[in-house]
Amino acid sequence: MSQQDSVSTVQEGREAEERTEQLADFVVPPSRLEDTTSLKGEFGAIFGSHPAGVAVITAEGPDGPVGLTASSLSSVSADPPIIGFSLQARRGSAALVAEADTLLVHLLDSSNVAIARAFATHGAPRFGDAMNWRQLPTGEPLLTDVGRVMRVEPLARIKAGPALVFNCGVLEILGSEPAGAPLVYHQRQFHSLSESTVAEYQI
């Protein structure tokens, strides 16, 4: 990266940071976030060993469709249906997704690992001829190879340090059937769950 590109990236990051602060319904005061730099390594190790489901979040941006891979998705409430996730919306797709009025949340299965990699890799081709997708009448880009999809709207955006934490209400279920074995993210790699991974104890 040239010095000019580096300066441009930093400037874009600052502008996106300012926009996300304006978007936020609540900004956690910096004074509430103590200097915890010493915990970074152990914190990363703890969550690196904590398997997480994989989702791709898409939206219609000002210049076309955008999307990203997320492993922070969680169920907040079933009645009413509310989900949560977080983004570091400093630049690129994350900043554009953060600004969208509605989003599509695609819950990925092992057959969708190529999609997960494409949306997790900076500069990888997305929404091209090699990817099956279509635009919904409401504008969002739908990845048609994914079986479990929700259309959601942000209810609250909370700015906490570099993260923008979302609570989103579910507007529609566009698909609820899995497209294969579950896909999880663990130790910086994608894994497929199978019957051999089932523990004896059942809830």
N, C-alpha and C. Protein backbone atom coordinates (compact mmCIF):
# COMPACT_ATOMS: atom_id res chain seq x y z
N MET A 1 0.85 -1.20 0.00
CA MET A 1 0.00 0.00 0.00
C MET A 1 0.87 1.24 0.00
N SER A 2 0.61 2.18 -0.91
CA SER A 2 1.38 3.40 -0.98
C SER A 2 1.03 4.31 0.19
N GLN A 3 1.90 5.33 0.41
CA GLN A 3 1.61 6.28 1.49
C GLN A 3 0.31 7.02 1.24
N GLN A 4 0.07 7.35 -0.06
CA GLN A 4 -1.18 8.05 -0.40
C GLN A 4 -2.39 7.18 -0.11
N ASP A 5 -2.31 5.87 -0.46
CA ASP A 5 -3.41 4.95 -0.17
C ASP A 5 -3.64 4.82 1.32
N SER A 6 -2.52 4.79 2.08
CA SER A 6 -2.62 4.66 3.53
C SER A 6 -3.32 5.87 4.14
N VAL A 7 -2.95 7.07 3.67
CA VAL A 7 -3.59 8.29 4.17
C VAL A 7 -5.07 8.30 3.81
N SER A 8 -5.40 7.87 2.58
CA SER A 8 -6.78 7.82 2.14
C SER A 8 -7.60 6.86 3.00
N THR A 9 -7.02 5.69 3.34
CA THR A 9 -7.71 4.71 4.16
C THR A 9 -7.98 5.25 5.56
N VAL A 10 -6.98 5.94 6.12
CA VAL A 10 -7.16 6.52 7.45
C VAL A 10 -8.26 7.57 7.42
N GLN A 11 -8.28 8.41 6.36
CA GLN A 11 -9.31 9.45 6.25
C GLN A 11 -10.69 8.83 6.12
N GLU A 12 -10.81 7.76 5.29
CA GLU A 12 -12.09 7.07 5.14
C GLU A 12 -12.55 6.50 6.47
N GLY A 13 -11.57 5.96 7.23
CA GLY A 13 -11.90 5.40 8.54
C GLY A 13 -12.44 6.44 9.49
N ARG A 14 -11.83 7.63 9.48
CA ARG A 14 -12.30 8.71 10.36
C ARG A 14 -13.70 9.16 9.97
N GLU A 15 -13.92 9.28 8.65
CA GLU A 15 -15.25 9.71 8.19
C GLU A 15 -16.32 8.68 8.55
N ALA A 16 -16.00 7.40 8.37
CA ALA A 16 -16.96 6.34 8.72
C ALA A 16 -17.21 6.34 10.22
N GLU A 17 -16.16 6.56 11.01
CA GLU A 17 -16.31 6.61 12.47
C GLU A 17 -17.26 7.73 12.87
N GLU A 18 -17.12 8.89 12.23
CA GLU A 18 -18.00 10.02 12.53
C GLU A 18 -19.44 9.71 12.15
N ARG A 19 -19.63 9.04 11.00
CA ARG A 19 -20.99 8.70 10.55
C ARG A 19 -21.64 7.71 11.50
N THR A 20 -20.88 6.72 11.96
CA THR A 20 -21.47 5.72 12.86
C THR A 20 -21.82 6.33 14.22
N GLU A 21 -21.05 7.31 14.65
CA GLU A 21 -21.40 7.99 15.90
C GLU A 21 -22.72 8.74 15.73
N GLN A 22 -22.94 9.32 14.54
CA GLN A 22 -24.19 10.01 14.29
C GLN A 22 -25.36 9.03 14.19
N LEU A 23 -25.07 7.81 13.70
CA LEU A 23 -26.11 6.79 13.59
C LEU A 23 -26.53 6.24 14.94
N ALA A 24 -25.60 6.19 15.87
CA ALA A 24 -25.82 5.49 17.13
C ALA A 24 -26.95 6.13 17.94
N ASP A 25 -27.78 5.28 18.52
CA ASP A 25 -28.82 5.74 19.43
C ASP A 25 -28.24 6.03 20.81
N PHE A 26 -27.12 5.38 21.11
CA PHE A 26 -26.45 5.59 22.39
C PHE A 26 -24.96 5.37 22.20
N VAL A 27 -24.15 6.28 22.72
CA VAL A 27 -22.70 6.16 22.65
C VAL A 27 -22.17 5.97 24.07
N VAL A 28 -21.48 4.87 24.28
CA VAL A 28 -20.90 4.61 25.60
C VAL A 28 -19.76 5.60 25.84
N PRO A 29 -19.79 6.38 26.92
CA PRO A 29 -18.73 7.35 27.16
C PRO A 29 -17.37 6.65 27.26
N PRO A 30 -16.34 7.21 26.62
CA PRO A 30 -15.01 6.60 26.69
C PRO A 30 -14.53 6.35 28.13
N SER A 31 -14.99 7.20 29.05
CA SER A 31 -14.58 7.03 30.44
C SER A 31 -15.07 5.72 31.04
N ARG A 32 -16.13 5.13 30.43
CA ARG A 32 -16.66 3.85 30.92
C ARG A 32 -15.83 2.67 30.42
N LEU A 33 -14.99 2.94 29.43
CA LEU A 33 -14.19 1.87 28.84
C LEU A 33 -12.75 2.06 29.29
N GLU A 34 -12.40 1.41 30.37
CA GLU A 34 -11.07 1.56 30.95
C GLU A 34 -10.02 0.97 30.02
N ASP A 35 -8.77 1.35 30.24
CA ASP A 35 -7.66 0.81 29.45
C ASP A 35 -7.46 -0.66 29.81
N THR A 36 -7.86 -1.53 28.91
CA THR A 36 -7.76 -2.97 29.16
C THR A 36 -6.88 -3.64 28.11
N THR A 37 -5.92 -2.90 27.59
CA THR A 37 -5.02 -3.44 26.56
C THR A 37 -4.36 -4.73 27.01
N SER A 38 -4.06 -4.84 28.29
CA SER A 38 -3.37 -6.03 28.80
C SER A 38 -4.23 -7.29 28.70
N LEU A 39 -5.54 -7.13 28.55
CA LEU A 39 -6.44 -8.29 28.46
C LEU A 39 -6.63 -8.78 27.03
N LYS A 40 -6.14 -8.04 26.04
CA LYS A 40 -6.44 -8.33 24.64
C LYS A 40 -6.05 -9.74 24.24
N GLY A 41 -4.85 -10.17 24.63
CA GLY A 41 -4.37 -11.51 24.24
C GLY A 41 -5.23 -12.61 24.81
N GLU A 42 -5.50 -12.55 26.13
CA GLU A 42 -6.31 -13.58 26.76
C GLU A 42 -7.75 -13.56 26.28
N PHE A 43 -8.27 -12.35 26.06
CA PHE A 43 -9.64 -12.22 25.55
C PHE A 43 -9.75 -12.88 24.18
N GLY A 44 -8.76 -12.63 23.31
CA GLY A 44 -8.75 -13.25 21.99
C GLY A 44 -8.66 -14.76 22.08
N ALA A 45 -7.87 -15.26 23.04
CA ALA A 45 -7.73 -16.71 23.20
C ALA A 45 -9.03 -17.34 23.67
N ILE A 46 -9.73 -16.67 24.58
CA ILE A 46 -11.00 -17.19 25.09
C ILE A 46 -12.01 -17.34 23.96
N PHE A 47 -12.19 -16.27 23.18
CA PHE A 47 -13.20 -16.33 22.13
C PHE A 47 -12.72 -17.06 20.89
N GLY A 48 -11.41 -17.19 20.72
CA GLY A 48 -10.90 -18.03 19.64
C GLY A 48 -11.26 -19.49 19.86
N SER A 49 -11.42 -19.87 21.12
CA SER A 49 -11.79 -21.24 21.45
C SER A 49 -13.30 -21.41 21.68
N HIS A 50 -14.05 -20.37 21.38
CA HIS A 50 -15.50 -20.41 21.56
C HIS A 50 -16.16 -20.49 20.19
N PRO A 51 -16.68 -21.65 19.78
CA PRO A 51 -17.28 -21.77 18.44
C PRO A 51 -18.47 -20.83 18.28
N ALA A 52 -18.61 -20.29 17.09
CA ALA A 52 -19.70 -19.37 16.81
C ALA A 52 -20.32 -19.70 15.46
N GLY A 53 -21.62 -19.48 15.34
CA GLY A 53 -22.27 -19.63 14.05
C GLY A 53 -21.78 -18.56 13.07
N VAL A 54 -22.02 -18.79 11.80
CA VAL A 54 -21.52 -17.89 10.76
C VAL A 54 -22.71 -17.33 9.97
N ALA A 55 -22.70 -16.02 9.77
CA ALA A 55 -23.75 -15.36 9.00
C ALA A 55 -23.14 -14.40 8.00
N VAL A 56 -23.86 -14.13 6.94
CA VAL A 56 -23.51 -13.05 6.03
C VAL A 56 -24.65 -12.04 6.07
N ILE A 57 -24.30 -10.79 6.30
CA ILE A 57 -25.27 -9.71 6.39
C ILE A 57 -25.14 -8.86 5.13
N THR A 58 -26.24 -8.67 4.43
CA THR A 58 -26.21 -7.90 3.19
C THR A 58 -27.18 -6.73 3.25
N ALA A 59 -26.91 -5.74 2.42
CA ALA A 59 -27.76 -4.55 2.34
C ALA A 59 -27.56 -3.91 0.98
N GLU A 60 -28.47 -3.03 0.63
CA GLU A 60 -28.33 -2.24 -0.59
C GLU A 60 -27.65 -0.93 -0.23
N GLY A 61 -26.43 -0.74 -0.72
CA GLY A 61 -25.69 0.48 -0.47
C GLY A 61 -25.99 1.53 -1.51
N PRO A 62 -25.44 2.72 -1.36
CA PRO A 62 -25.70 3.80 -2.32
C PRO A 62 -25.20 3.50 -3.72
N ASP A 63 -24.19 2.62 -3.83
CA ASP A 63 -23.61 2.30 -5.13
C ASP A 63 -23.82 0.84 -5.52
N GLY A 64 -24.74 0.16 -4.83
CA GLY A 64 -24.99 -1.24 -5.15
C GLY A 64 -24.96 -2.11 -3.90
N PRO A 65 -25.08 -3.43 -4.09
CA PRO A 65 -25.16 -4.33 -2.93
C PRO A 65 -23.83 -4.43 -2.18
N VAL A 66 -23.93 -4.59 -0.86
CA VAL A 66 -22.77 -4.77 0.00
C VAL A 66 -23.06 -5.89 0.99
N GLY A 67 -22.01 -6.45 1.56
CA GLY A 67 -22.21 -7.50 2.55
C GLY A 67 -20.92 -7.85 3.26
N LEU A 68 -21.06 -8.58 4.35
CA LEU A 68 -19.90 -9.01 5.13
C LEU A 68 -20.24 -10.26 5.91
N THR A 69 -19.20 -10.99 6.29
CA THR A 69 -19.35 -12.18 7.13
C THR A 69 -19.28 -11.77 8.59
N ALA A 70 -20.16 -12.33 9.43
CA ALA A 70 -20.19 -12.02 10.86
C ALA A 70 -20.31 -13.29 11.66
N SER A 71 -19.61 -13.34 12.79
CA SER A 71 -19.73 -14.48 13.69
C SER A 71 -20.25 -14.05 15.06
N SER A 72 -20.78 -12.82 15.14
CA SER A 72 -21.28 -12.29 16.42
C SER A 72 -22.79 -12.38 16.55
N LEU A 73 -23.45 -13.02 15.58
CA LEU A 73 -24.91 -13.06 15.59
C LEU A 73 -25.45 -13.86 16.78
N SER A 74 -26.50 -13.33 17.40
CA SER A 74 -27.13 -14.05 18.51
C SER A 74 -28.63 -13.77 18.52
N SER A 75 -29.36 -14.68 19.14
CA SER A 75 -30.80 -14.50 19.34
C SER A 75 -31.00 -13.72 20.64
N VAL A 76 -31.69 -12.61 20.55
CA VAL A 76 -31.94 -11.78 21.73
C VAL A 76 -33.29 -12.13 22.34
N SER A 77 -34.30 -12.32 21.48
CA SER A 77 -35.65 -12.61 21.95
C SER A 77 -36.39 -13.38 20.87
N ALA A 78 -37.25 -14.33 21.30
CA ALA A 78 -38.07 -15.08 20.36
C ALA A 78 -39.45 -14.44 20.19
N ASP A 79 -39.92 -13.74 21.21
CA ASP A 79 -41.25 -13.14 21.16
C ASP A 79 -41.20 -11.79 21.87
N PRO A 80 -41.02 -10.70 21.12
CA PRO A 80 -40.93 -10.62 19.66
C PRO A 80 -39.56 -11.07 19.17
N PRO A 81 -39.46 -11.48 17.89
CA PRO A 81 -38.17 -11.95 17.38
C PRO A 81 -37.19 -10.79 17.19
N ILE A 82 -36.09 -10.86 17.94
CA ILE A 82 -35.04 -9.83 17.90
C ILE A 82 -33.69 -10.54 17.86
N ILE A 83 -32.80 -10.07 17.01
CA ILE A 83 -31.45 -10.60 16.96
C ILE A 83 -30.44 -9.50 17.30
N GLY A 84 -29.22 -9.91 17.59
CA GLY A 84 -28.17 -8.95 17.87
C GLY A 84 -26.88 -9.34 17.16
N PHE A 85 -26.08 -8.36 16.84
CA PHE A 85 -24.73 -8.59 16.29
C PHE A 85 -23.94 -7.29 16.41
N SER A 86 -22.64 -7.36 16.15
CA SER A 86 -21.82 -6.16 16.23
C SER A 86 -20.92 -6.06 15.00
N LEU A 87 -20.58 -4.82 14.65
CA LEU A 87 -19.69 -4.53 13.53
C LEU A 87 -18.65 -3.52 13.99
N GLN A 88 -17.48 -3.59 13.38
CA GLN A 88 -16.52 -2.50 13.52
C GLN A 88 -16.65 -1.67 12.25
N ALA A 89 -17.59 -0.72 12.27
CA ALA A 89 -18.04 -0.01 11.07
C ALA A 89 -17.17 1.21 10.79
N ARG A 90 -15.90 0.99 10.56
CA ARG A 90 -15.00 2.10 10.31
C ARG A 90 -14.85 2.43 8.83
N ARG A 91 -15.04 1.44 7.96
CA ARG A 91 -14.88 1.69 6.53
C ARG A 91 -15.45 0.52 5.75
N GLY A 92 -15.47 0.68 4.44
CA GLY A 92 -15.85 -0.41 3.55
C GLY A 92 -17.29 -0.86 3.75
N SER A 93 -17.49 -2.17 3.52
CA SER A 93 -18.84 -2.74 3.56
C SER A 93 -19.49 -2.56 4.92
N ALA A 94 -18.71 -2.68 5.99
CA ALA A 94 -19.29 -2.59 7.33
C ALA A 94 -19.93 -1.22 7.56
N ALA A 95 -19.27 -0.17 7.09
CA ALA A 95 -19.83 1.17 7.27
C ALA A 95 -21.12 1.33 6.49
N LEU A 96 -21.19 0.75 5.29
CA LEU A 96 -22.40 0.86 4.47
C LEU A 96 -23.53 0.01 5.04
N VAL A 97 -23.21 -1.19 5.53
CA VAL A 97 -24.22 -2.03 6.18
C VAL A 97 -24.77 -1.31 7.40
N ALA A 98 -23.90 -0.65 8.16
CA ALA A 98 -24.33 0.03 9.38
C ALA A 98 -25.35 1.12 9.10
N GLU A 99 -25.28 1.73 7.92
CA GLU A 99 -26.16 2.85 7.60
C GLU A 99 -27.50 2.42 7.00
N ALA A 100 -27.64 1.14 6.65
CA ALA A 100 -28.84 0.67 5.94
C ALA A 100 -30.06 0.65 6.85
N ASP A 101 -31.21 0.92 6.26
CA ASP A 101 -32.47 0.91 7.02
C ASP A 101 -32.98 -0.52 7.24
N THR A 102 -32.69 -1.42 6.32
CA THR A 102 -33.06 -2.83 6.45
C THR A 102 -31.90 -3.69 5.97
N LEU A 103 -31.85 -4.91 6.48
CA LEU A 103 -30.75 -5.83 6.19
C LEU A 103 -31.29 -7.23 5.95
N LEU A 104 -30.51 -8.04 5.25
CA LEU A 104 -30.78 -9.47 5.18
C LEU A 104 -29.69 -10.19 5.96
N VAL A 105 -30.10 -11.10 6.83
CA VAL A 105 -29.17 -11.89 7.62
C VAL A 105 -29.28 -13.33 7.14
N HIS A 106 -28.19 -13.83 6.53
CA HIS A 106 -28.13 -15.19 5.99
C HIS A 106 -27.36 -16.06 6.97
N LEU A 107 -28.00 -17.09 7.52
CA LEU A 107 -27.32 -18.01 8.43
C LEU A 107 -26.74 -19.16 7.60
N LEU A 108 -25.43 -19.28 7.60
CA LEU A 108 -24.75 -20.17 6.67
C LEU A 108 -24.63 -21.60 7.19
N ASP A 109 -24.64 -22.53 6.25
CA ASP A 109 -24.37 -23.94 6.51
C ASP A 109 -23.08 -24.33 5.81
N SER A 110 -22.61 -25.56 6.04
CA SER A 110 -21.31 -25.97 5.51
C SER A 110 -21.24 -25.89 3.99
N SER A 111 -22.36 -26.05 3.31
CA SER A 111 -22.36 -25.94 1.85
C SER A 111 -22.14 -24.50 1.39
N ASN A 112 -22.21 -23.55 2.32
CA ASN A 112 -22.04 -22.14 1.99
C ASN A 112 -20.66 -21.60 2.35
N VAL A 113 -19.69 -22.48 2.59
CA VAL A 113 -18.39 -22.01 3.08
C VAL A 113 -17.71 -21.07 2.07
N ALA A 114 -17.91 -21.28 0.77
CA ALA A 114 -17.31 -20.38 -0.21
C ALA A 114 -17.89 -18.98 -0.09
N ILE A 115 -19.19 -18.89 0.24
CA ILE A 115 -19.82 -17.59 0.46
C ILE A 115 -19.22 -16.93 1.69
N ALA A 116 -19.03 -17.70 2.77
CA ALA A 116 -18.44 -17.16 3.99
C ALA A 116 -17.07 -16.58 3.71
N ARG A 117 -16.25 -17.31 2.96
CA ARG A 117 -14.89 -16.83 2.65
C ARG A 117 -14.94 -15.57 1.78
N ALA A 118 -15.82 -15.56 0.79
CA ALA A 118 -15.90 -14.41 -0.12
C ALA A 118 -16.23 -13.13 0.63
N PHE A 119 -17.17 -13.21 1.57
CA PHE A 119 -17.59 -12.01 2.29
C PHE A 119 -16.69 -11.69 3.48
N ALA A 120 -15.75 -12.59 3.78
CA ALA A 120 -14.79 -12.33 4.86
C ALA A 120 -13.46 -11.83 4.33
N THR A 121 -13.24 -11.91 3.02
CA THR A 121 -11.94 -11.58 2.43
C THR A 121 -12.01 -10.23 1.73
N HIS A 122 -11.16 -9.32 2.16
CA HIS A 122 -11.13 -7.98 1.58
C HIS A 122 -10.77 -8.07 0.10
N GLY A 123 -11.57 -7.44 -0.73
CA GLY A 123 -11.29 -7.41 -2.15
C GLY A 123 -11.79 -8.60 -2.93
N ALA A 124 -12.35 -9.61 -2.25
CA ALA A 124 -12.86 -10.80 -2.96
C ALA A 124 -14.11 -10.41 -3.75
N PRO A 125 -14.31 -11.03 -4.94
CA PRO A 125 -15.50 -10.69 -5.73
C PRO A 125 -16.78 -11.13 -5.04
N ARG A 126 -17.76 -10.24 -5.04
CA ARG A 126 -19.06 -10.51 -4.43
C ARG A 126 -20.15 -10.04 -5.37
N PHE A 127 -21.26 -10.73 -5.35
CA PHE A 127 -22.42 -10.35 -6.16
C PHE A 127 -22.13 -10.35 -7.65
N GLY A 128 -21.14 -11.14 -8.06
CA GLY A 128 -20.84 -11.24 -9.48
C GLY A 128 -21.60 -12.39 -10.13
N ASP A 129 -21.20 -12.71 -11.37
CA ASP A 129 -21.87 -13.78 -12.11
C ASP A 129 -21.66 -15.14 -11.46
N ALA A 130 -20.56 -15.30 -10.70
CA ALA A 130 -20.26 -16.59 -10.09
C ALA A 130 -21.04 -16.83 -8.79
N MET A 131 -21.76 -15.83 -8.32
CA MET A 131 -22.51 -15.94 -7.06
C MET A 131 -24.00 -15.83 -7.38
N ASN A 132 -24.78 -16.76 -6.84
CA ASN A 132 -26.22 -16.77 -7.09
C ASN A 132 -26.91 -15.80 -6.12
N TRP A 133 -27.48 -14.75 -6.69
CA TRP A 133 -28.17 -13.78 -5.86
C TRP A 133 -29.18 -13.03 -6.71
N ARG A 134 -30.10 -12.38 -6.02
CA ARG A 134 -31.06 -11.51 -6.71
C ARG A 134 -31.48 -10.40 -5.76
N GLN A 135 -31.96 -9.34 -6.33
CA GLN A 135 -32.40 -8.21 -5.53
C GLN A 135 -33.89 -8.34 -5.23
N LEU A 136 -34.24 -8.20 -3.98
CA LEU A 136 -35.64 -8.27 -3.57
C LEU A 136 -36.38 -7.00 -3.98
N PRO A 137 -37.70 -7.07 -4.07
CA PRO A 137 -38.48 -5.85 -4.36
C PRO A 137 -38.22 -4.74 -3.34
N THR A 138 -37.84 -5.12 -2.12
CA THR A 138 -37.54 -4.13 -1.07
C THR A 138 -36.11 -3.60 -1.18
N GLY A 139 -35.32 -4.13 -2.12
CA GLY A 139 -34.00 -3.57 -2.40
C GLY A 139 -32.81 -4.38 -1.94
N GLU A 140 -32.99 -5.23 -0.91
CA GLU A 140 -31.84 -5.94 -0.36
C GLU A 140 -31.39 -7.08 -1.29
N PRO A 141 -30.09 -7.38 -1.31
CA PRO A 141 -29.58 -8.49 -2.11
C PRO A 141 -29.69 -9.82 -1.36
N LEU A 142 -30.38 -10.77 -1.97
CA LEU A 142 -30.61 -12.09 -1.38
C LEU A 142 -29.66 -13.11 -1.98
N LEU A 143 -28.90 -13.82 -1.16
CA LEU A 143 -28.03 -14.90 -1.61
C LEU A 143 -28.88 -16.16 -1.69
N THR A 144 -29.18 -16.60 -2.90
CA THR A 144 -30.22 -17.62 -3.09
C THR A 144 -29.74 -19.04 -2.78
N ASP A 145 -28.44 -19.24 -2.55
CA ASP A 145 -27.95 -20.57 -2.17
C ASP A 145 -28.01 -20.81 -0.67
N VAL A 146 -28.45 -19.81 0.09
CA VAL A 146 -28.53 -19.92 1.54
C VAL A 146 -29.97 -20.24 1.92
N GLY A 147 -30.16 -21.26 2.76
CA GLY A 147 -31.51 -21.72 3.09
C GLY A 147 -32.20 -20.98 4.21
N ARG A 148 -31.42 -20.35 5.10
CA ARG A 148 -32.00 -19.69 6.27
C ARG A 148 -31.70 -18.19 6.20
N VAL A 149 -32.74 -17.40 6.00
CA VAL A 149 -32.55 -15.96 5.78
C VAL A 149 -33.63 -15.17 6.51
N MET A 150 -33.23 -14.08 7.14
CA MET A 150 -34.16 -13.16 7.80
C MET A 150 -33.99 -11.76 7.24
N ARG A 151 -35.09 -11.08 7.07
CA ARG A 151 -35.05 -9.65 6.74
C ARG A 151 -35.31 -8.89 8.04
N VAL A 152 -34.42 -7.95 8.36
CA VAL A 152 -34.49 -7.29 9.67
C VAL A 152 -34.34 -5.78 9.51
N GLU A 153 -34.75 -5.08 10.57
CA GLU A 153 -34.52 -3.63 10.62
C GLU A 153 -33.86 -3.30 11.96
N PRO A 154 -32.87 -2.41 11.96
CA PRO A 154 -32.24 -2.01 13.21
C PRO A 154 -33.22 -1.31 14.15
N LEU A 155 -33.25 -1.77 15.39
CA LEU A 155 -34.06 -1.13 16.42
C LEU A 155 -33.22 -0.18 17.25
N ALA A 156 -31.96 -0.55 17.45
CA ALA A 156 -31.05 0.28 18.24
C ALA A 156 -29.62 -0.01 17.81
N ARG A 157 -28.83 1.04 17.76
CA ARG A 157 -27.40 0.93 17.47
C ARG A 157 -26.66 1.56 18.65
N ILE A 158 -25.78 0.79 19.27
CA ILE A 158 -25.04 1.27 20.44
C ILE A 158 -23.56 1.34 20.07
N LYS A 159 -22.96 2.51 20.18
CA LYS A 159 -21.54 2.70 19.89
C LYS A 159 -20.76 2.47 21.17
N ALA A 160 -19.91 1.43 21.16
CA ALA A 160 -19.09 1.11 22.33
C ALA A 160 -17.65 0.89 21.86
N GLY A 161 -16.80 1.87 22.11
CA GLY A 161 -15.44 1.79 21.60
C GLY A 161 -15.47 1.72 20.08
N PRO A 162 -14.74 0.79 19.47
CA PRO A 162 -14.73 0.69 18.01
C PRO A 162 -15.94 -0.07 17.45
N ALA A 163 -16.75 -0.65 18.32
CA ALA A 163 -17.85 -1.51 17.87
C ALA A 163 -19.17 -0.76 17.82
N LEU A 164 -19.99 -1.14 16.84
CA LEU A 164 -21.36 -0.69 16.76
C LEU A 164 -22.23 -1.92 16.97
N VAL A 165 -22.96 -1.94 18.09
CA VAL A 165 -23.74 -3.10 18.49
C VAL A 165 -25.19 -2.88 18.09
N PHE A 166 -25.75 -3.85 17.36
CA PHE A 166 -27.10 -3.75 16.82
C PHE A 166 -28.08 -4.65 17.57
N ASN A 167 -29.27 -4.14 17.81
CA ASN A 167 -30.45 -4.96 18.07
C ASN A 167 -31.38 -4.76 16.89
N CYS A 168 -31.80 -5.86 16.27
CA CYS A 168 -32.63 -5.77 15.06
C CYS A 168 -33.90 -6.58 15.22
N GLY A 169 -35.02 -5.99 14.82
CA GLY A 169 -36.28 -6.70 14.81
C GLY A 169 -36.44 -7.46 13.50
N VAL A 170 -36.96 -8.66 13.58
CA VAL A 170 -37.14 -9.49 12.39
C VAL A 170 -38.46 -9.10 11.72
N LEU A 171 -38.37 -8.73 10.44
CA LEU A 171 -39.54 -8.34 9.66
C LEU A 171 -40.15 -9.51 8.91
N GLU A 172 -39.29 -10.37 8.37
CA GLU A 172 -39.73 -11.51 7.57
C GLU A 172 -38.74 -12.65 7.71
N ILE A 173 -39.24 -13.88 7.63
CA ILE A 173 -38.40 -15.06 7.48
C ILE A 173 -38.49 -15.46 6.01
N LEU A 174 -37.37 -15.36 5.30
CA LEU A 174 -37.36 -15.63 3.87
C LEU A 174 -36.94 -17.06 3.55
N GLY A 175 -36.54 -17.80 4.56
CA GLY A 175 -36.17 -19.20 4.41
C GLY A 175 -35.76 -19.74 5.75
N SER A 176 -36.18 -20.98 6.06
CA SER A 176 -35.87 -21.54 7.37
C SER A 176 -35.28 -22.95 7.30
N GLU A 177 -35.03 -23.44 6.08
CA GLU A 177 -34.50 -24.78 5.91
C GLU A 177 -32.98 -24.74 5.75
N PRO A 178 -32.24 -25.54 6.51
CA PRO A 178 -30.78 -25.56 6.34
C PRO A 178 -30.38 -26.09 4.97
N ALA A 179 -29.22 -25.63 4.49
CA ALA A 179 -28.71 -26.06 3.19
C ALA A 179 -27.54 -27.04 3.36
N GLY A 180 -27.48 -27.71 4.53
CA GLY A 180 -26.39 -28.64 4.80
C GLY A 180 -26.12 -28.69 6.29
N ALA A 181 -25.00 -29.29 6.66
CA ALA A 181 -24.60 -29.35 8.07
C ALA A 181 -24.25 -27.95 8.57
N PRO A 182 -24.40 -27.70 9.87
CA PRO A 182 -24.10 -26.37 10.41
C PRO A 182 -22.64 -25.97 10.16
N LEU A 183 -22.42 -24.67 9.91
CA LEU A 183 -21.09 -24.11 9.75
C LEU A 183 -20.76 -23.28 10.98
N VAL A 184 -19.59 -23.51 11.56
CA VAL A 184 -19.16 -22.74 12.72
C VAL A 184 -17.76 -22.19 12.49
N TYR A 185 -17.45 -21.12 13.22
CA TYR A 185 -16.14 -20.49 13.17
C TYR A 185 -15.43 -20.75 14.49
N HIS A 186 -14.23 -21.35 14.40
CA HIS A 186 -13.49 -21.74 15.61
C HIS A 186 -12.01 -21.72 15.31
N GLN A 187 -11.24 -21.05 16.20
CA GLN A 187 -9.79 -20.96 16.04
C GLN A 187 -9.41 -20.45 14.65
N ARG A 188 -10.13 -19.40 14.21
CA ARG A 188 -9.85 -18.70 12.95
C ARG A 188 -10.03 -19.58 11.72
N GLN A 189 -10.86 -20.61 11.85
CA GLN A 189 -11.16 -21.49 10.72
C GLN A 189 -12.65 -21.82 10.70
N PHE A 190 -13.16 -22.14 9.50
CA PHE A 190 -14.53 -22.60 9.37
C PHE A 190 -14.57 -24.12 9.54
N HIS A 191 -15.58 -24.60 10.28
CA HIS A 191 -15.74 -26.03 10.54
C HIS A 191 -17.17 -26.45 10.23
N SER A 192 -17.31 -27.70 9.81
CA SER A 192 -18.63 -28.28 9.58
C SER A 192 -18.95 -29.25 10.70
N LEU A 193 -20.13 -29.12 11.28
CA LEU A 193 -20.56 -30.07 12.31
C LEU A 193 -21.19 -31.29 11.65
N SER A 194 -21.02 -32.45 12.27
CA SER A 194 -21.61 -33.68 11.74
C SER A 194 -22.13 -34.52 12.90
N GLU A 195 -22.74 -35.67 12.58
CA GLU A 195 -23.26 -36.55 13.62
C GLU A 195 -22.16 -37.02 14.57
N SER A 196 -20.94 -37.11 14.05
CA SER A 196 -19.83 -37.60 14.90
C SER A 196 -19.45 -36.58 15.97
N THR A 197 -19.91 -35.35 15.83
CA THR A 197 -19.58 -34.32 16.83
C THR A 197 -20.64 -34.21 17.93
N VAL A 198 -21.71 -34.98 17.83
CA VAL A 198 -22.80 -34.88 18.82
C VAL A 198 -22.36 -35.49 20.14
N ALA A 199 -22.49 -34.72 21.23
CA ALA A 199 -22.20 -35.23 22.56
C ALA A 199 -23.34 -36.14 23.01
N GLU A 200 -23.06 -36.99 23.98
CA GLU A 200 -24.10 -37.94 24.44
C GLU A 200 -25.25 -37.24 25.12
N TYR A 201 -24.93 -36.16 25.85
CA TYR A 201 -25.99 -35.47 26.59
C TYR A 201 -26.87 -34.68 25.64
N GLN A 202 -28.16 -34.80 25.80
CA GLN A 202 -29.12 -34.04 24.99
C GLN A 202 -30.04 -33.24 25.88
N ILE A 203 -30.39 -32.04 25.43
CA ILE A 203 -31.29 -31.17 26.19
C ILE A 203 -32.72 -31.40 25.73
